Amino acid sequence: MRSQTTIIVRYAETDQMGIAHHSHYPVWYEAARTDFIKRIGLTYTEMEHMGILLPLTELNCRYLGAVYYEDDLLVETRLTVLRRVKMTFAYTITRRGGDQILNEGRTVHGIVDRSMRPLNLAASHPQLFEQLRQIAEPE
């Protein structure tokens, strides 16, 4: 499954050169990942109430083209790796209606309980694990 999130670049997200500042891409990834989770019928808040936390353990961000103020962006999100105690999301950013890839990213998340100990999602929430397994798209 791939989800798509629209981002319109705000003036405050640009630098002196009028280009989107590099620090905003991880924020856009987070918004897109939140939309992805919603598409499976949950919110991050509901997952946390279930005792499932997803701390970020790795972030990769590759800049391939400039993004400017008021650009209408599309962030495509995929779940590419699902293990019992970690998951990886991949992101591709284009201008909406275009096909030039402007940015590619990846985030790796541990799956932990409220005490920040690894949580075996397959054992603790087998239905959710299976649902995620079915929609994962390995790279």
N, C-alpha and C. Protein backbone atom coordinates (compact mmCIF):
# COMPACT_ATOMS: atom_id res chain seq x y z
N MET A 1 0.84 -1.18 0.00
CA MET A 1 0.00 0.00 0.00
C MET A 1 0.89 1.24 0.00
N ARG A 2 0.47 2.20 -0.75
CA ARG A 2 1.16 3.49 -0.79
C ARG A 2 0.15 4.57 -0.43
N SER A 3 0.55 5.43 0.46
CA SER A 3 -0.32 6.57 0.77
C SER A 3 0.30 7.82 0.17
N GLN A 4 -0.55 8.80 -0.09
CA GLN A 4 -0.08 10.05 -0.66
C GLN A 4 -0.54 11.21 0.20
N THR A 5 0.39 12.08 0.52
CA THR A 5 0.12 13.24 1.37
C THR A 5 0.53 14.49 0.61
N THR A 6 -0.33 15.49 0.61
CA THR A 6 -0.04 16.75 -0.05
C THR A 6 0.59 17.72 0.96
N ILE A 7 1.65 18.35 0.54
CA ILE A 7 2.32 19.39 1.33
C ILE A 7 2.47 20.61 0.44
N ILE A 8 2.05 21.77 0.91
CA ILE A 8 2.31 23.02 0.19
C ILE A 8 3.38 23.75 0.99
N VAL A 9 4.49 24.03 0.34
CA VAL A 9 5.63 24.64 1.02
C VAL A 9 5.27 26.05 1.47
N ARG A 10 5.42 26.28 2.77
CA ARG A 10 5.13 27.59 3.36
C ARG A 10 6.37 28.48 3.31
N TYR A 11 6.16 29.77 3.35
CA TYR A 11 7.26 30.73 3.29
C TYR A 11 8.26 30.47 4.42
N ALA A 12 7.76 30.18 5.61
CA ALA A 12 8.62 29.95 6.77
C ALA A 12 9.49 28.70 6.62
N GLU A 13 9.17 27.85 5.67
CA GLU A 13 9.95 26.62 5.44
C GLU A 13 11.08 26.83 4.44
N THR A 14 11.23 28.05 3.94
CA THR A 14 12.28 28.31 2.96
C THR A 14 13.45 29.05 3.60
N ASP A 15 14.59 28.99 2.93
CA ASP A 15 15.79 29.67 3.42
C ASP A 15 16.01 30.96 2.63
N GLN A 16 17.13 31.61 2.85
CA GLN A 16 17.44 32.87 2.20
C GLN A 16 17.46 32.76 0.68
N MET A 17 17.72 31.56 0.17
CA MET A 17 17.76 31.34 -1.28
C MET A 17 16.38 31.05 -1.87
N GLY A 18 15.35 30.99 -0.99
CA GLY A 18 14.01 30.70 -1.46
C GLY A 18 13.73 29.22 -1.66
N ILE A 19 14.64 28.38 -1.18
CA ILE A 19 14.53 26.93 -1.31
C ILE A 19 14.08 26.35 0.02
N ALA A 20 13.27 25.32 -0.01
CA ALA A 20 12.83 24.67 1.23
C ALA A 20 14.05 24.22 2.02
N HIS A 21 14.09 24.60 3.29
CA HIS A 21 15.23 24.26 4.15
C HIS A 21 15.24 22.76 4.43
N HIS A 22 16.43 22.19 4.48
CA HIS A 22 16.57 20.74 4.65
C HIS A 22 15.93 20.22 5.93
N SER A 23 15.79 21.04 6.95
CA SER A 23 15.24 20.57 8.23
C SER A 23 13.75 20.26 8.17
N HIS A 24 13.07 20.67 7.13
CA HIS A 24 11.62 20.45 7.06
C HIS A 24 11.24 19.10 6.46
N TYR A 25 12.14 18.47 5.75
CA TYR A 25 11.81 17.19 5.12
C TYR A 25 11.43 16.12 6.16
N PRO A 26 12.15 15.98 7.26
CA PRO A 26 11.72 14.99 8.26
C PRO A 26 10.33 15.29 8.84
N VAL A 27 9.98 16.57 8.94
CA VAL A 27 8.65 16.95 9.41
C VAL A 27 7.60 16.50 8.39
N TRP A 28 7.91 16.67 7.11
CA TRP A 28 7.00 16.22 6.06
C TRP A 28 6.88 14.70 6.07
N TYR A 29 7.99 14.01 6.32
CA TYR A 29 7.93 12.55 6.44
C TYR A 29 6.99 12.14 7.57
N GLU A 30 7.09 12.85 8.70
CA GLU A 30 6.24 12.51 9.83
C GLU A 30 4.76 12.69 9.49
N ALA A 31 4.43 13.79 8.83
CA ALA A 31 3.04 14.02 8.42
C ALA A 31 2.57 12.91 7.48
N ALA A 32 3.42 12.52 6.55
CA ALA A 32 3.07 11.46 5.59
C ALA A 32 2.93 10.11 6.28
N ARG A 33 3.81 9.82 7.23
CA ARG A 33 3.73 8.55 7.97
C ARG A 33 2.45 8.50 8.81
N THR A 34 2.08 9.62 9.39
CA THR A 34 0.84 9.70 10.16
C THR A 34 -0.36 9.41 9.25
N ASP A 35 -0.35 9.97 8.05
CA ASP A 35 -1.42 9.68 7.08
C ASP A 35 -1.44 8.20 6.71
N PHE A 36 -0.27 7.61 6.52
CA PHE A 36 -0.18 6.19 6.18
C PHE A 36 -0.84 5.35 7.28
N ILE A 37 -0.51 5.63 8.53
CA ILE A 37 -1.09 4.88 9.65
C ILE A 37 -2.61 5.06 9.68
N LYS A 38 -3.08 6.28 9.43
CA LYS A 38 -4.53 6.53 9.41
C LYS A 38 -5.22 5.69 8.34
N ARG A 39 -4.55 5.48 7.21
CA ARG A 39 -5.16 4.71 6.12
C ARG A 39 -5.38 3.25 6.48
N ILE A 40 -4.68 2.75 7.51
CA ILE A 40 -4.93 1.37 7.94
C ILE A 40 -5.98 1.33 9.05
N GLY A 41 -6.53 2.50 9.40
CA GLY A 41 -7.62 2.54 10.36
C GLY A 41 -7.22 2.86 11.78
N LEU A 42 -6.02 3.37 11.98
CA LEU A 42 -5.54 3.74 13.32
C LEU A 42 -4.98 5.15 13.28
N THR A 43 -4.83 5.72 14.46
CA THR A 43 -4.06 6.95 14.59
C THR A 43 -2.86 6.63 15.46
N TYR A 44 -1.87 7.50 15.42
CA TYR A 44 -0.71 7.32 16.30
C TYR A 44 -1.16 7.31 17.76
N THR A 45 -2.11 8.18 18.10
CA THR A 45 -2.62 8.23 19.47
C THR A 45 -3.23 6.90 19.87
N GLU A 46 -4.02 6.31 18.99
CA GLU A 46 -4.62 5.00 19.30
C GLU A 46 -3.55 3.93 19.47
N MET A 47 -2.53 3.97 18.63
CA MET A 47 -1.44 3.00 18.78
C MET A 47 -0.75 3.17 20.13
N GLU A 48 -0.53 4.41 20.52
CA GLU A 48 0.12 4.66 21.81
C GLU A 48 -0.76 4.19 22.96
N HIS A 49 -2.08 4.38 22.84
CA HIS A 49 -3.00 3.87 23.87
C HIS A 49 -2.97 2.34 23.93
N MET A 50 -2.65 1.71 22.81
CA MET A 50 -2.52 0.25 22.78
C MET A 50 -1.17 -0.20 23.35
N GLY A 51 -0.31 0.75 23.69
CA GLY A 51 1.00 0.43 24.23
C GLY A 51 2.07 0.22 23.17
N ILE A 52 1.82 0.72 21.96
CA ILE A 52 2.76 0.58 20.84
C ILE A 52 3.37 1.95 20.55
N LEU A 53 4.68 2.07 20.75
CA LEU A 53 5.38 3.31 20.44
C LEU A 53 6.40 3.03 19.34
N LEU A 54 6.62 4.02 18.49
CA LEU A 54 7.51 3.85 17.33
C LEU A 54 8.61 4.91 17.33
N PRO A 55 9.58 4.83 18.23
CA PRO A 55 10.65 5.83 18.24
C PRO A 55 11.52 5.72 16.99
N LEU A 56 11.92 6.87 16.50
CA LEU A 56 12.80 6.94 15.35
C LEU A 56 14.20 6.48 15.75
N THR A 57 14.77 5.56 14.97
CA THR A 57 16.13 5.10 15.25
C THR A 57 17.10 5.44 14.12
N GLU A 58 16.55 5.77 12.95
CA GLU A 58 17.41 6.11 11.82
C GLU A 58 16.63 6.98 10.84
N LEU A 59 17.32 7.96 10.25
CA LEU A 59 16.72 8.85 9.28
C LEU A 59 17.70 9.05 8.13
N ASN A 60 17.23 8.80 6.92
CA ASN A 60 18.02 9.06 5.71
C ASN A 60 17.22 9.99 4.82
N CYS A 61 17.90 10.97 4.25
CA CYS A 61 17.23 11.97 3.43
C CYS A 61 18.15 12.33 2.28
N ARG A 62 17.67 12.14 1.07
CA ARG A 62 18.49 12.40 -0.13
C ARG A 62 17.80 13.48 -0.97
N TYR A 63 18.49 14.58 -1.17
CA TYR A 63 17.95 15.73 -1.89
C TYR A 63 18.34 15.62 -3.36
N LEU A 64 17.34 15.61 -4.23
CA LEU A 64 17.58 15.39 -5.66
C LEU A 64 17.18 16.57 -6.53
N GLY A 65 16.42 17.49 -5.98
CA GLY A 65 15.98 18.67 -6.73
C GLY A 65 15.49 19.72 -5.77
N ALA A 66 15.54 20.97 -6.18
CA ALA A 66 15.13 22.07 -5.31
C ALA A 66 13.61 22.13 -5.19
N VAL A 67 13.17 22.51 -4.00
CA VAL A 67 11.76 22.71 -3.69
C VAL A 67 11.61 24.16 -3.24
N TYR A 68 10.57 24.85 -3.75
CA TYR A 68 10.42 26.29 -3.52
C TYR A 68 9.11 26.62 -2.81
N TYR A 69 9.06 27.87 -2.34
CA TYR A 69 7.85 28.40 -1.70
C TYR A 69 6.64 28.17 -2.60
N GLU A 70 5.57 27.70 -1.99
CA GLU A 70 4.28 27.41 -2.62
C GLU A 70 4.30 26.22 -3.56
N ASP A 71 5.40 25.48 -3.64
CA ASP A 71 5.36 24.24 -4.41
C ASP A 71 4.31 23.31 -3.80
N ASP A 72 3.55 22.69 -4.66
CA ASP A 72 2.52 21.74 -4.26
C ASP A 72 3.14 20.35 -4.37
N LEU A 73 3.50 19.79 -3.23
CA LEU A 73 4.26 18.54 -3.21
C LEU A 73 3.37 17.34 -2.90
N LEU A 74 3.81 16.20 -3.37
CA LEU A 74 3.17 14.93 -3.06
C LEU A 74 4.22 14.04 -2.41
N VAL A 75 3.93 13.59 -1.20
CA VAL A 75 4.82 12.67 -0.49
C VAL A 75 4.18 11.29 -0.54
N GLU A 76 4.83 10.36 -1.23
CA GLU A 76 4.35 8.99 -1.29
C GLU A 76 5.08 8.18 -0.22
N THR A 77 4.30 7.45 0.56
CA THR A 77 4.86 6.71 1.70
C THR A 77 4.55 5.23 1.54
N ARG A 78 5.57 4.41 1.84
CA ARG A 78 5.41 2.95 1.80
C ARG A 78 6.05 2.35 3.05
N LEU A 79 5.47 1.29 3.53
CA LEU A 79 6.10 0.48 4.57
C LEU A 79 6.94 -0.55 3.84
N THR A 80 8.27 -0.50 4.02
CA THR A 80 9.14 -1.37 3.23
C THR A 80 9.75 -2.52 4.02
N VAL A 81 9.84 -2.37 5.33
CA VAL A 81 10.37 -3.43 6.18
C VAL A 81 9.48 -3.55 7.40
N LEU A 82 9.09 -4.76 7.71
CA LEU A 82 8.34 -5.03 8.94
C LEU A 82 8.97 -6.23 9.62
N ARG A 83 9.50 -6.00 10.79
CA ARG A 83 10.05 -7.06 11.63
C ARG A 83 9.28 -7.03 12.94
N ARG A 84 9.52 -8.00 13.77
CA ARG A 84 8.78 -8.07 15.02
C ARG A 84 8.99 -6.84 15.91
N VAL A 85 10.19 -6.25 15.86
CA VAL A 85 10.48 -5.12 16.75
C VAL A 85 10.96 -3.87 16.01
N LYS A 86 10.80 -3.83 14.68
CA LYS A 86 11.14 -2.60 13.95
C LYS A 86 10.40 -2.55 12.63
N MET A 87 10.28 -1.34 12.11
CA MET A 87 9.67 -1.13 10.79
C MET A 87 10.37 0.03 10.10
N THR A 88 10.33 -0.03 8.77
CA THR A 88 10.98 1.00 7.96
C THR A 88 9.97 1.55 6.96
N PHE A 89 9.95 2.88 6.85
CA PHE A 89 9.11 3.56 5.88
C PHE A 89 10.00 4.24 4.85
N ALA A 90 9.55 4.26 3.59
CA ALA A 90 10.25 4.95 2.51
C ALA A 90 9.35 6.06 1.99
N TYR A 91 9.97 7.17 1.61
CA TYR A 91 9.25 8.36 1.16
C TYR A 91 9.82 8.83 -0.17
N THR A 92 8.94 9.25 -1.07
CA THR A 92 9.34 9.86 -2.33
C THR A 92 8.56 11.16 -2.46
N ILE A 93 9.27 12.25 -2.72
CA ILE A 93 8.61 13.55 -2.86
C ILE A 93 8.75 14.02 -4.30
N THR A 94 7.60 14.40 -4.88
CA THR A 94 7.53 14.98 -6.22
C THR A 94 6.63 16.21 -6.13
N ARG A 95 6.64 17.03 -7.19
CA ARG A 95 5.61 18.06 -7.29
C ARG A 95 4.34 17.36 -7.74
N ARG A 96 3.23 17.78 -7.17
CA ARG A 96 1.97 17.14 -7.55
C ARG A 96 1.74 17.35 -9.05
N GLY A 97 1.46 16.25 -9.73
CA GLY A 97 1.26 16.28 -11.17
C GLY A 97 2.53 16.09 -11.97
N GLY A 98 3.67 16.04 -11.29
CA GLY A 98 4.95 15.86 -11.97
C GLY A 98 5.53 14.50 -11.69
N ASP A 99 6.60 14.17 -12.39
CA ASP A 99 7.22 12.87 -12.16
C ASP A 99 8.68 12.97 -11.74
N GLN A 100 9.21 14.19 -11.64
CA GLN A 100 10.60 14.35 -11.20
C GLN A 100 10.68 14.11 -9.69
N ILE A 101 11.51 13.16 -9.29
CA ILE A 101 11.70 12.89 -7.87
C ILE A 101 12.62 13.97 -7.30
N LEU A 102 12.11 14.68 -6.31
CA LEU A 102 12.84 15.78 -5.69
C LEU A 102 13.57 15.36 -4.43
N ASN A 103 13.05 14.32 -3.78
CA ASN A 103 13.62 13.87 -2.53
C ASN A 103 13.22 12.42 -2.29
N GLU A 104 14.15 11.67 -1.73
CA GLU A 104 13.86 10.31 -1.29
C GLU A 104 14.32 10.19 0.15
N GLY A 105 13.54 9.51 0.95
CA GLY A 105 13.92 9.36 2.35
C GLY A 105 13.50 8.02 2.90
N ARG A 106 14.03 7.77 4.10
CA ARG A 106 13.71 6.51 4.78
C ARG A 106 13.81 6.77 6.27
N THR A 107 12.86 6.23 7.01
CA THR A 107 12.94 6.27 8.47
C THR A 107 12.79 4.86 9.01
N VAL A 108 13.59 4.55 10.01
CA VAL A 108 13.53 3.26 10.69
C VAL A 108 13.04 3.54 12.10
N HIS A 109 12.09 2.71 12.54
CA HIS A 109 11.47 2.91 13.86
C HIS A 109 11.53 1.62 14.65
N GLY A 110 11.94 1.73 15.89
CA GLY A 110 11.81 0.61 16.80
C GLY A 110 10.35 0.47 17.18
N ILE A 111 9.97 -0.71 17.59
CA ILE A 111 8.63 -0.95 18.13
C ILE A 111 8.85 -1.26 19.60
N VAL A 112 8.37 -0.37 20.47
CA VAL A 112 8.62 -0.52 21.90
C VAL A 112 7.33 -0.33 22.69
N ASP A 113 7.38 -0.76 23.96
CA ASP A 113 6.24 -0.53 24.86
C ASP A 113 6.46 0.80 25.59
N ARG A 114 5.56 1.12 26.50
CA ARG A 114 5.64 2.40 27.21
C ARG A 114 6.91 2.55 28.04
N SER A 115 7.51 1.44 28.43
CA SER A 115 8.76 1.52 29.20
C SER A 115 9.98 1.57 28.28
N MET A 116 9.72 1.71 26.97
CA MET A 116 10.76 1.80 25.94
C MET A 116 11.54 0.50 25.76
N ARG A 117 10.93 -0.59 26.13
CA ARG A 117 11.53 -1.91 25.88
C ARG A 117 10.99 -2.45 24.56
N PRO A 118 11.81 -3.20 23.82
CA PRO A 118 11.33 -3.77 22.55
C PRO A 118 10.03 -4.54 22.75
N LEU A 119 9.11 -4.31 21.83
CA LEU A 119 7.80 -4.97 21.87
C LEU A 119 7.68 -5.83 20.63
N ASN A 120 7.48 -7.12 20.83
CA ASN A 120 7.29 -8.04 19.71
C ASN A 120 5.85 -7.85 19.21
N LEU A 121 5.71 -7.08 18.15
CA LEU A 121 4.38 -6.74 17.64
C LEU A 121 3.62 -7.98 17.17
N ALA A 122 4.33 -8.94 16.60
CA ALA A 122 3.67 -10.17 16.12
C ALA A 122 3.03 -10.93 17.27
N ALA A 123 3.66 -10.90 18.44
CA ALA A 123 3.12 -11.61 19.61
C ALA A 123 2.08 -10.78 20.36
N SER A 124 2.34 -9.47 20.49
CA SER A 124 1.46 -8.63 21.31
C SER A 124 0.18 -8.21 20.58
N HIS A 125 0.27 -7.99 19.29
CA HIS A 125 -0.86 -7.52 18.48
C HIS A 125 -0.83 -8.25 17.13
N PRO A 126 -1.11 -9.55 17.13
CA PRO A 126 -0.95 -10.34 15.90
C PRO A 126 -1.81 -9.86 14.73
N GLN A 127 -3.02 -9.38 15.00
CA GLN A 127 -3.87 -8.92 13.90
C GLN A 127 -3.28 -7.68 13.23
N LEU A 128 -2.79 -6.75 14.03
CA LEU A 128 -2.17 -5.55 13.47
C LEU A 128 -0.90 -5.91 12.71
N PHE A 129 -0.09 -6.79 13.27
CA PHE A 129 1.14 -7.22 12.60
C PHE A 129 0.81 -7.83 11.24
N GLU A 130 -0.19 -8.68 11.19
CA GLU A 130 -0.57 -9.33 9.93
C GLU A 130 -1.10 -8.31 8.93
N GLN A 131 -1.89 -7.35 9.41
CA GLN A 131 -2.40 -6.30 8.52
C GLN A 131 -1.24 -5.51 7.92
N LEU A 132 -0.27 -5.16 8.74
CA LEU A 132 0.90 -4.43 8.25
C LEU A 132 1.74 -5.29 7.30
N ARG A 133 1.89 -6.55 7.63
CA ARG A 133 2.67 -7.46 6.79
C ARG A 133 2.07 -7.54 5.39
N GLN A 134 0.75 -7.56 5.32
CA GLN A 134 0.08 -7.68 4.02
C GLN A 134 0.23 -6.44 3.15
N ILE A 135 0.40 -5.28 3.76
CA ILE A 135 0.51 -4.05 2.96
C ILE A 135 1.96 -3.59 2.76
N ALA A 136 2.89 -4.26 3.41
CA ALA A 136 4.30 -3.89 3.25
C ALA A 136 4.75 -4.15 1.81
N GLU A 137 5.58 -3.26 1.31
CA GLU A 137 6.13 -3.37 -0.05
C GLU A 137 7.65 -3.38 0.05
N PRO A 138 8.24 -4.54 0.16
CA PRO A 138 9.71 -4.59 0.27
C PRO A 138 10.37 -3.91 -0.92
N GLU A 139 11.51 -3.27 -0.65
CA GLU A 139 12.23 -2.58 -1.73
C GLU A 139 12.95 -3.57 -2.62
